Amino acid sequence: MNLSEPTPDLLFRTLADPTRRALFERLCREGELTVRVLTDQAGVSQPAVSKHLGVLKEAGLVTDRQEGRQSHYSARPGALAPLVDWTQRMNVFWERRFDDLEDLLRRMDQ
């Protein structure tokens, strides 16, 4: 399991797929679920769900545990921290840009 902090690029690539994003969101909302339960509402086959879960696991967004023959998956919402950091940096960047634009427009109106 890759528990090192994933990069924003890896997280964006992983969550760009709508099926993976839906699986991750469902695990965040509902807690630990089996592959079978996840497959029931995924709209794709069990092998496809397993493959998507593998990609999410590789990115550090989910963990799994075995109980008998069943795999149980849980979300790791804290793994989104690099995206939160990136979004905050972009927010500061754009706020400054809009402030600069507002200043320019004010000066043009005078």
C-alpha atoms as a PDB file:
ATOM      1  CA  MET A   1       0.000   0.000   0.000  1.00  0.00           C
ATOM      2  CA  ASN A   2       1.308   3.444  -0.907  1.00  0.00           C
ATOM      3  CA  LEU A   3       0.828   5.602   2.171  1.00  0.00           C
ATOM      4  CA  SER A   4       3.264   8.296   1.099  1.00  0.00           C
ATOM      5  CA  GLU A   5       1.581  11.554   0.205  1.00  0.00           C
ATOM      6  CA  PRO A   6       0.417  11.405  -3.400  1.00  0.00           C
ATOM      7  CA  THR A   7       1.148  14.266  -5.763  1.00  0.00           C
ATOM      8  CA  PRO A   8      -1.620  16.537  -7.053  1.00  0.00           C
ATOM      9  CA  ASP A   9      -0.965  15.198 -10.571  1.00  0.00           C
ATOM     10  CA  LEU A  10      -1.551  11.619  -9.452  1.00  0.00           C
ATOM     11  CA  LEU A  11      -4.691  12.580  -7.562  1.00  0.00           C
ATOM     12  CA  PHE A  12      -6.112  14.569 -10.475  1.00  0.00           C
ATOM     13  CA  ARG A  13      -5.402  11.701 -12.905  1.00  0.00           C
ATOM     14  CA  THR A  14      -6.921   9.154 -10.528  1.00  0.00           C
ATOM     15  CA  LEU A  15     -10.060  11.139  -9.776  1.00  0.00           C
ATOM     16  CA  ALA A  16     -10.542  12.280 -13.387  1.00  0.00           C
ATOM     17  CA  ASP A  17     -12.291   9.002 -14.112  1.00  0.00           C
ATOM     18  CA  PRO A  18     -15.990   9.352 -13.186  1.00  0.00           C
ATOM     19  CA  THR A  19     -16.320   5.736 -12.024  1.00  0.00           C
ATOM     20  CA  ARG A  20     -13.304   6.006  -9.703  1.00  0.00           C
ATOM     21  CA  ARG A  21     -14.530   9.343  -8.414  1.00  0.00           C
ATOM     22  CA  ALA A  22     -17.982   7.866  -7.718  1.00  0.00           C
ATOM     23  CA  LEU A  23     -16.468   4.877  -5.889  1.00  0.00           C
ATOM     24  CA  PHE A  24     -14.284   7.164  -3.767  1.00  0.00           C
ATOM     25  CA  GLU A  25     -17.202   9.490  -2.972  1.00  0.00           C
ATOM     26  CA  ARG A  26     -19.392   6.550  -2.014  1.00  0.00           C
ATOM     27  CA  LEU A  27     -16.738   5.187   0.334  1.00  0.00           C
ATOM     28  CA  CYS A  28     -16.383   8.654   1.880  1.00  0.00           C
ATOM     29  CA  ARG A  29     -20.149   8.868   2.460  1.00  0.00           C
ATOM     30  CA  GLU A  30     -20.918   5.311   3.504  1.00  0.00           C
ATOM     31  CA  GLY A  31     -17.715   4.086   5.127  1.00  0.00           C
ATOM     32  CA  GLU A  32     -16.174   0.672   4.611  1.00  0.00           C
ATOM     33  CA  LEU A  33     -17.821  -1.411   1.877  1.00  0.00           C
ATOM     34  CA  THR A  34     -17.119  -4.698   0.154  1.00  0.00           C
ATOM     35  CA  VAL A  35     -16.321  -4.980  -3.530  1.00  0.00           C
ATOM     36  CA  ARG A  36     -19.653  -6.756  -4.007  1.00  0.00           C
ATOM     37  CA  VAL A  37     -21.638  -3.913  -2.435  1.00  0.00           C
ATOM     38  CA  LEU A  38     -19.688  -1.342  -4.459  1.00  0.00           C
ATOM     39  CA  THR A  39     -20.319  -3.300  -7.663  1.00  0.00           C
ATOM     40  CA  ASP A  40     -24.088  -3.442  -7.067  1.00  0.00           C
ATOM     41  CA  GLN A  41     -24.502   0.289  -7.798  1.00  0.00           C
ATOM     42  CA  ALA A  42     -21.396   1.026  -9.858  1.00  0.00           C
ATOM     43  CA  GLY A  43     -22.904   0.355 -13.272  1.00  0.00           C
ATOM     44  CA  VAL A  44     -19.801  -1.615 -14.299  1.00  0.00           C
ATOM     45  CA  SER A  45     -18.654  -5.199 -13.818  1.00  0.00           C
ATOM     46  CA  GLN A  46     -16.989  -6.532 -10.678  1.00  0.00           C
ATOM     47  CA  PRO A  47     -13.603  -6.882 -12.455  1.00  0.00           C
ATOM     48  CA  ALA A  48     -13.884  -3.229 -13.548  1.00  0.00           C
ATOM     49  CA  VAL A  49     -14.719  -2.124  -9.990  1.00  0.00           C
ATOM     50  CA  SER A  50     -11.756  -4.112  -8.668  1.00  0.00           C
ATOM     51  CA  LYS A  51      -9.464  -2.502 -11.230  1.00  0.00           C
ATOM     52  CA  HIS A  52     -10.686   0.998 -10.312  1.00  0.00           C
ATOM     53  CA  LEU A  53     -10.237   0.227  -6.612  1.00  0.00           C
ATOM     54  CA  GLY A  54      -6.679  -0.888  -7.373  1.00  0.00           C
ATOM     55  CA  VAL A  55      -5.951   2.471  -8.997  1.00  0.00           C
ATOM     56  CA  LEU A  56      -7.499   4.314  -6.033  1.00  0.00           C
ATOM     57  CA  LYS A  57      -5.411   2.193  -3.661  1.00  0.00           C
ATOM     58  CA  GLU A  58      -2.209   2.842  -5.613  1.00  0.00           C
ATOM     59  CA  ALA A  59      -2.909   6.580  -5.346  1.00  0.00           C
ATOM     60  CA  GLY A  60      -3.374   6.209  -1.588  1.00  0.00           C
ATOM     61  CA  LEU A  61      -7.044   7.202  -1.672  1.00  0.00           C
ATOM     62  CA  VAL A  62      -8.390   3.916  -0.313  1.00  0.00           C
ATOM     63  CA  THR A  63      -7.217   1.080   1.894  1.00  0.00           C
ATOM     64  CA  ASP A  64      -8.371  -2.495   1.871  1.00  0.00           C
ATOM     65  CA  ARG A  65      -8.546  -5.383   4.258  1.00  0.00           C
ATOM     66  CA  GLN A  66      -9.360  -9.006   3.690  1.00  0.00           C
ATOM     67  CA  GLU A  67     -11.983 -10.829   5.707  1.00  0.00           C
ATOM     68  CA  GLY A  68     -12.253 -14.361   4.470  1.00  0.00           C
ATOM     69  CA  ARG A  69     -12.862 -14.199   0.747  1.00  0.00           C
ATOM     70  CA  GLN A  70     -14.183 -10.630   0.827  1.00  0.00           C
ATOM     71  CA  SER A  71     -12.220  -7.434   0.333  1.00  0.00           C
ATOM     72  CA  HIS A  72     -13.401  -4.437   2.318  1.00  0.00           C
ATOM     73  CA  TYR A  73     -12.441  -0.950   1.154  1.00  0.00           C
ATOM     74  CA  SER A  74     -12.320   2.316   3.071  1.00  0.00           C
ATOM     75  CA  ALA A  75     -11.700   5.852   1.831  1.00  0.00           C
ATOM     76  CA  ARG A  76      -8.733   7.886   3.015  1.00  0.00           C
ATOM     77  CA  PRO A  77     -10.105  11.449   2.614  1.00  0.00           C
ATOM     78  CA  GLY A  78      -6.959  12.846   4.234  1.00  0.00           C
ATOM     79  CA  ALA A  79      -5.040  11.714   1.161  1.00  0.00           C
ATOM     80  CA  LEU A  80      -6.677  14.650  -0.653  1.00  0.00           C
ATOM     81  CA  ALA A  81      -4.482  17.068   1.353  1.00  0.00           C
ATOM     82  CA  PRO A  82      -2.199  17.840  -1.626  1.00  0.00           C
ATOM     83  CA  LEU A  83      -5.271  18.891  -3.651  1.00  0.00           C
ATOM     84  CA  VAL A  84      -6.541  21.029  -0.797  1.00  0.00           C
ATOM     85  CA  ASP A  85      -3.128  22.717  -0.573  1.00  0.00           C
ATOM     86  CA  TRP A  86      -3.003  23.244  -4.340  1.00  0.00           C
ATOM     87  CA  THR A  87      -6.538  24.689  -4.378  1.00  0.00           C
ATOM     88  CA  GLN A  88      -5.694  27.086  -1.570  1.00  0.00           C
ATOM     89  CA  ARG A  89      -2.596  28.284  -3.453  1.00  0.00           C
ATOM     90  CA  MET A  90      -4.659  28.787  -6.601  1.00  0.00           C
ATOM     91  CA  ASN A  91      -7.305  30.632  -4.594  1.00  0.00           C
ATOM     92  CA  VAL A  92      -4.679  33.074  -3.296  1.00  0.00           C
ATOM     93  CA  PHE A  93      -3.285  33.457  -6.819  1.00  0.00           C
ATOM     94  CA  TRP A  94      -6.681  34.272  -8.342  1.00  0.00           C
ATOM     95  CA  GLU A  95      -7.726  36.560  -5.490  1.00  0.00           C
ATOM     96  CA  ARG A  96      -4.595  38.630  -6.113  1.00  0.00           C
ATOM     97  CA  ARG A  97      -5.290  38.704  -9.837  1.00  0.00           C
ATOM     98  CA  PHE A  98      -8.880  39.859  -9.300  1.00  0.00           C
ATOM     99  CA  ASP A  99      -7.728  42.483  -6.791  1.00  0.00           C
ATOM    100  CA  ASP A 100      -5.210  43.755  -9.354  1.00  0.00           C
ATOM    101  CA  LEU A 101      -7.914  43.829 -12.034  1.00  0.00           C
ATOM    102  CA  GLU A 102     -10.287  45.680  -9.715  1.00  0.00           C
ATOM    103  CA  ASP A 103      -7.574  48.262  -8.979  1.00  0.00           C
ATOM    104  CA  LEU A 104      -6.887  48.690 -12.691  1.00  0.00           C
ATOM    105  CA  LEU A 105     -10.575  49.173 -13.496  1.00  0.00           C
ATOM    106  CA  ARG A 106     -10.935  51.725 -10.711  1.00  0.00           C
ATOM    107  CA  ARG A 107      -7.983  53.687 -12.058  1.00  0.00           C
ATOM    108  CA  MET A 108      -9.406  53.522 -15.594  1.00  0.00           C
ATOM    109  CA  ASP A 109     -12.732  54.914 -14.361  1.00  0.00           C
ATOM    110  CA  GLN A 110     -11.092  57.942 -12.790  1.00  0.00           C
END
